[in-house]
Amino acid sequence: MEFVIVWLVCGGIAAMIASSKGGSGPIGFVVGLLFGPFGIIAAFFMGNEQKADAAKIAAGDSKKCPRCAELVKPDALVCKHCGHEFQAPKTKA
């Protein structure tokens, strides 16, 4: 019985951690429930990729492809994911 209680508590802790990191609380609960204490560790890695992508775009490290919405390097002329061709940057003469 104690085993079940410990696993439920691990699920709750993992849900809180995942939620605070911008991830999904219910998914964090399931991970914590299935993996117990290891699920708590896994919940630390459950974050929101959209925030990370927005930070990369704002920093100028990436740009988003208008066709497939994947991130590519800012100097790329062709998207490596879908083959979309970007307009060449205009150079100053």
N, C-alpha and C. Protein backbone atom coordinates (compact mmCIF):
# COMPACT_ATOMS: atom_id res chain seq x y z
N MET A 1 0.82 -1.19 0.00
CA MET A 1 0.00 0.00 0.00
C MET A 1 0.86 1.26 0.00
N GLU A 2 1.96 1.20 0.74
CA GLU A 2 2.85 2.35 0.80
C GLU A 2 3.46 2.63 -0.58
N PHE A 3 3.68 1.55 -1.33
CA PHE A 3 4.24 1.66 -2.67
C PHE A 3 3.33 2.51 -3.57
N VAL A 4 2.05 2.28 -3.50
CA VAL A 4 1.07 3.02 -4.31
C VAL A 4 1.05 4.49 -3.89
N ILE A 5 1.10 4.74 -2.60
CA ILE A 5 1.08 6.11 -2.11
C ILE A 5 2.32 6.87 -2.57
N VAL A 6 3.47 6.22 -2.49
CA VAL A 6 4.72 6.86 -2.92
C VAL A 6 4.65 7.19 -4.41
N TRP A 7 4.12 6.27 -5.22
CA TRP A 7 4.04 6.50 -6.66
C TRP A 7 3.04 7.61 -6.97
N LEU A 8 1.94 7.71 -6.24
CA LEU A 8 0.98 8.80 -6.43
C LEU A 8 1.60 10.15 -6.05
N VAL A 9 2.37 10.16 -4.97
CA VAL A 9 3.05 11.39 -4.57
C VAL A 9 4.08 11.79 -5.63
N CYS A 10 4.81 10.82 -6.16
CA CYS A 10 5.78 11.11 -7.22
C CYS A 10 5.06 11.68 -8.44
N GLY A 11 3.88 11.15 -8.75
CA GLY A 11 3.10 11.68 -9.86
C GLY A 11 2.70 13.12 -9.62
N GLY A 12 2.28 13.44 -8.40
CA GLY A 12 1.89 14.80 -8.07
C GLY A 12 3.06 15.77 -8.13
N ILE A 13 4.19 15.35 -7.61
CA ILE A 13 5.39 16.20 -7.65
C ILE A 13 5.84 16.43 -9.09
N ALA A 14 5.83 15.36 -9.89
CA ALA A 14 6.24 15.49 -11.30
C ALA A 14 5.28 16.40 -12.05
N ALA A 15 3.98 16.34 -11.73
CA ALA A 15 3.00 17.22 -12.39
C ALA A 15 3.27 18.67 -12.05
N MET A 16 3.58 18.95 -10.79
CA MET A 16 3.86 20.33 -10.39
C MET A 16 5.13 20.86 -11.06
N ILE A 17 6.16 20.02 -11.13
CA ILE A 17 7.41 20.44 -11.75
C ILE A 17 7.21 20.70 -13.24
N ALA A 18 6.54 19.76 -13.92
CA ALA A 18 6.32 19.92 -15.36
C ALA A 18 5.49 21.17 -15.64
N SER A 19 4.49 21.41 -14.83
CA SER A 19 3.64 22.58 -15.02
C SER A 19 4.42 23.88 -14.81
N SER A 20 5.28 23.90 -13.81
CA SER A 20 6.07 25.11 -13.54
C SER A 20 7.10 25.37 -14.63
N LYS A 21 7.52 24.34 -15.35
CA LYS A 21 8.49 24.49 -16.44
C LYS A 21 7.81 24.84 -17.76
N GLY A 22 6.47 24.98 -17.75
CA GLY A 22 5.75 25.30 -18.97
C GLY A 22 5.25 24.09 -19.72
N GLY A 23 5.44 22.91 -19.15
CA GLY A 23 4.98 21.69 -19.79
C GLY A 23 3.57 21.34 -19.34
N SER A 24 3.15 20.15 -19.66
CA SER A 24 1.81 19.68 -19.34
C SER A 24 1.80 19.00 -17.98
N GLY A 25 0.96 19.50 -17.07
CA GLY A 25 0.83 18.91 -15.75
C GLY A 25 0.32 17.48 -15.78
N PRO A 26 -0.77 17.19 -16.55
CA PRO A 26 -1.26 15.80 -16.61
C PRO A 26 -0.24 14.82 -17.17
N ILE A 27 0.52 15.25 -18.16
CA ILE A 27 1.54 14.35 -18.70
C ILE A 27 2.63 14.14 -17.66
N GLY A 28 2.99 15.19 -16.93
CA GLY A 28 3.96 15.05 -15.85
C GLY A 28 3.47 14.08 -14.78
N PHE A 29 2.16 14.13 -14.48
CA PHE A 29 1.60 13.21 -13.49
C PHE A 29 1.74 11.76 -13.96
N VAL A 30 1.41 11.52 -15.22
CA VAL A 30 1.50 10.15 -15.76
C VAL A 30 2.94 9.67 -15.75
N VAL A 31 3.88 10.53 -16.13
CA VAL A 31 5.29 10.15 -16.13
C VAL A 31 5.74 9.82 -14.70
N GLY A 32 5.35 10.67 -13.75
CA GLY A 32 5.72 10.42 -12.36
C GLY A 32 5.06 9.16 -11.81
N LEU A 33 3.84 8.92 -12.22
CA LEU A 33 3.12 7.73 -11.77
C LEU A 33 3.76 6.47 -12.32
N LEU A 34 4.16 6.50 -13.58
CA LEU A 34 4.74 5.31 -14.19
C LEU A 34 6.17 5.05 -13.75
N PHE A 35 6.95 6.11 -13.56
CA PHE A 35 8.38 5.93 -13.29
C PHE A 35 8.80 6.28 -11.88
N GLY A 36 7.86 6.72 -11.05
CA GLY A 36 8.16 7.02 -9.66
C GLY A 36 9.19 8.11 -9.51
N PRO A 37 10.20 7.89 -8.67
CA PRO A 37 11.22 8.92 -8.46
C PRO A 37 11.96 9.32 -9.74
N PHE A 38 12.10 8.39 -10.67
CA PHE A 38 12.75 8.72 -11.94
C PHE A 38 11.87 9.64 -12.77
N GLY A 39 10.55 9.55 -12.58
CA GLY A 39 9.63 10.44 -13.26
C GLY A 39 9.77 11.88 -12.80
N ILE A 40 10.13 12.06 -11.53
CA ILE A 40 10.37 13.41 -11.01
C ILE A 40 11.56 14.02 -11.73
N ILE A 41 12.60 13.24 -11.92
CA ILE A 41 13.78 13.73 -12.63
C ILE A 41 13.42 14.04 -14.08
N ALA A 42 12.63 13.19 -14.71
CA ALA A 42 12.23 13.41 -16.10
C ALA A 42 11.38 14.67 -16.23
N ALA A 43 10.61 14.99 -15.21
CA ALA A 43 9.73 16.17 -15.27
C ALA A 43 10.54 17.46 -15.38
N PHE A 44 11.76 17.47 -14.90
CA PHE A 44 12.60 18.66 -15.01
C PHE A 44 12.93 18.98 -16.47
N PHE A 45 12.86 17.98 -17.33
CA PHE A 45 13.18 18.16 -18.74
C PHE A 45 11.96 18.41 -19.60
N MET A 46 10.78 18.45 -18.98
CA MET A 46 9.54 18.68 -19.72
C MET A 46 9.28 20.18 -19.74
N GLY A 47 9.63 20.82 -20.82
CA GLY A 47 9.45 22.26 -20.93
C GLY A 47 8.65 22.62 -22.16
N ASN A 48 8.43 23.86 -22.33
CA ASN A 48 7.69 24.36 -23.46
C ASN A 48 8.65 24.74 -24.58
N GLU A 49 8.61 24.00 -25.67
CA GLU A 49 9.52 24.27 -26.77
C GLU A 49 9.20 25.57 -27.48
N GLN A 50 7.95 25.99 -27.42
CA GLN A 50 7.58 27.23 -28.10
C GLN A 50 8.30 28.42 -27.49
N LYS A 51 8.47 28.44 -26.18
CA LYS A 51 9.19 29.53 -25.53
C LYS A 51 10.65 29.51 -25.95
N ALA A 52 11.23 28.32 -26.02
CA ALA A 52 12.63 28.21 -26.42
C ALA A 52 12.81 28.65 -27.87
N ASP A 53 11.87 28.26 -28.74
CA ASP A 53 11.94 28.66 -30.14
C ASP A 53 11.82 30.18 -30.28
N ALA A 54 10.90 30.77 -29.53
CA ALA A 54 10.71 32.23 -29.59
C ALA A 54 11.97 32.95 -29.13
N ALA A 55 12.65 32.40 -28.14
CA ALA A 55 13.89 33.01 -27.65
C ALA A 55 14.98 32.93 -28.72
N LYS A 56 15.05 31.82 -29.44
CA LYS A 56 16.05 31.68 -30.50
C LYS A 56 15.79 32.66 -31.64
N ILE A 57 14.50 32.85 -31.97
CA ILE A 57 14.16 33.78 -33.04
C ILE A 57 14.48 35.22 -32.61
N ALA A 58 14.11 35.56 -31.37
CA ALA A 58 14.35 36.91 -30.86
C ALA A 58 15.85 37.23 -30.79
N ALA A 59 16.66 36.22 -30.48
CA ALA A 59 18.10 36.43 -30.38
C ALA A 59 18.77 36.48 -31.76
N GLY A 60 18.03 36.12 -32.81
CA GLY A 60 18.59 36.12 -34.15
C GLY A 60 19.36 34.87 -34.48
N ASP A 61 19.21 33.82 -33.65
CA ASP A 61 19.91 32.56 -33.90
C ASP A 61 19.19 31.68 -34.90
N SER A 62 17.90 31.94 -35.14
CA SER A 62 17.09 31.12 -36.03
C SER A 62 16.01 31.97 -36.66
N LYS A 63 15.42 31.41 -37.72
CA LYS A 63 14.21 31.99 -38.31
C LYS A 63 13.25 30.84 -38.59
N LYS A 64 11.97 31.18 -38.66
CA LYS A 64 10.95 30.14 -38.84
C LYS A 64 10.56 30.08 -40.31
N CYS A 65 10.52 28.87 -40.85
CA CYS A 65 10.11 28.65 -42.22
C CYS A 65 8.61 28.94 -42.34
N PRO A 66 8.20 29.75 -43.32
CA PRO A 66 6.78 30.05 -43.45
C PRO A 66 5.94 28.89 -43.97
N ARG A 67 6.59 27.88 -44.55
CA ARG A 67 5.83 26.77 -45.10
C ARG A 67 5.67 25.62 -44.11
N CYS A 68 6.74 25.25 -43.40
CA CYS A 68 6.63 24.09 -42.49
C CYS A 68 6.74 24.48 -41.02
N ALA A 69 7.06 25.74 -40.73
CA ALA A 69 7.15 26.28 -39.36
C ALA A 69 8.29 25.69 -38.55
N GLU A 70 9.26 25.09 -39.19
CA GLU A 70 10.45 24.59 -38.49
C GLU A 70 11.49 25.71 -38.41
N LEU A 71 12.36 25.62 -37.41
CA LEU A 71 13.43 26.61 -37.28
C LEU A 71 14.60 26.25 -38.17
N VAL A 72 15.16 27.26 -38.82
CA VAL A 72 16.36 27.09 -39.64
C VAL A 72 17.33 28.21 -39.29
N LYS A 73 18.55 28.06 -39.71
CA LYS A 73 19.56 29.08 -39.44
C LYS A 73 19.20 30.36 -40.18
N PRO A 74 19.55 31.50 -39.61
CA PRO A 74 19.15 32.77 -40.22
C PRO A 74 19.74 33.02 -41.61
N ASP A 75 20.88 32.42 -41.91
CA ASP A 75 21.53 32.62 -43.21
C ASP A 75 21.08 31.61 -44.26
N ALA A 76 20.21 30.69 -43.89
CA ALA A 76 19.78 29.65 -44.82
C ALA A 76 18.97 30.23 -45.97
N LEU A 77 19.23 29.72 -47.16
CA LEU A 77 18.47 30.13 -48.33
C LEU A 77 17.41 29.10 -48.69
N VAL A 78 17.58 27.86 -48.18
CA VAL A 78 16.63 26.78 -48.43
C VAL A 78 16.37 26.07 -47.10
N CYS A 79 15.09 25.82 -46.81
CA CYS A 79 14.72 25.11 -45.58
C CYS A 79 15.17 23.66 -45.68
N LYS A 80 15.88 23.18 -44.69
CA LYS A 80 16.38 21.80 -44.71
C LYS A 80 15.27 20.79 -44.45
N HIS A 81 14.13 21.25 -43.98
CA HIS A 81 13.03 20.35 -43.65
C HIS A 81 12.07 20.13 -44.82
N CYS A 82 11.74 21.22 -45.54
CA CYS A 82 10.72 21.10 -46.60
C CYS A 82 11.19 21.59 -47.97
N GLY A 83 12.36 22.23 -48.03
CA GLY A 83 12.89 22.69 -49.30
C GLY A 83 12.40 24.07 -49.73
N HIS A 84 11.69 24.77 -48.84
CA HIS A 84 11.22 26.12 -49.17
C HIS A 84 12.42 27.03 -49.42
N GLU A 85 12.33 27.82 -50.49
CA GLU A 85 13.42 28.73 -50.81
C GLU A 85 13.10 30.11 -50.27
N PHE A 86 14.02 30.64 -49.47
CA PHE A 86 13.88 31.98 -48.91
C PHE A 86 14.43 32.99 -49.91
N GLN A 87 13.95 34.21 -49.81
CA GLN A 87 14.50 35.27 -50.65
C GLN A 87 15.90 35.59 -50.15
N ALA A 88 16.79 35.80 -51.11
CA ALA A 88 18.17 36.14 -50.75
C ALA A 88 18.17 37.48 -50.04
N PRO A 89 18.95 37.60 -48.97
CA PRO A 89 19.01 38.90 -48.28
C PRO A 89 19.61 39.96 -49.19
N LYS A 90 19.02 41.14 -49.10
CA LYS A 90 19.51 42.24 -49.94
C LYS A 90 20.79 42.80 -49.33
N THR A 91 21.80 42.89 -50.14
CA THR A 91 23.09 43.41 -49.68
C THR A 91 23.16 44.88 -50.00
N LYS A 92 23.85 45.58 -49.14
CA LYS A 92 24.05 47.02 -49.35
C LYS A 92 25.22 47.22 -50.30
N ALA A 93 25.02 48.04 -51.31
CA ALA A 93 26.08 48.26 -52.30
C ALA A 93 26.98 49.40 -51.92
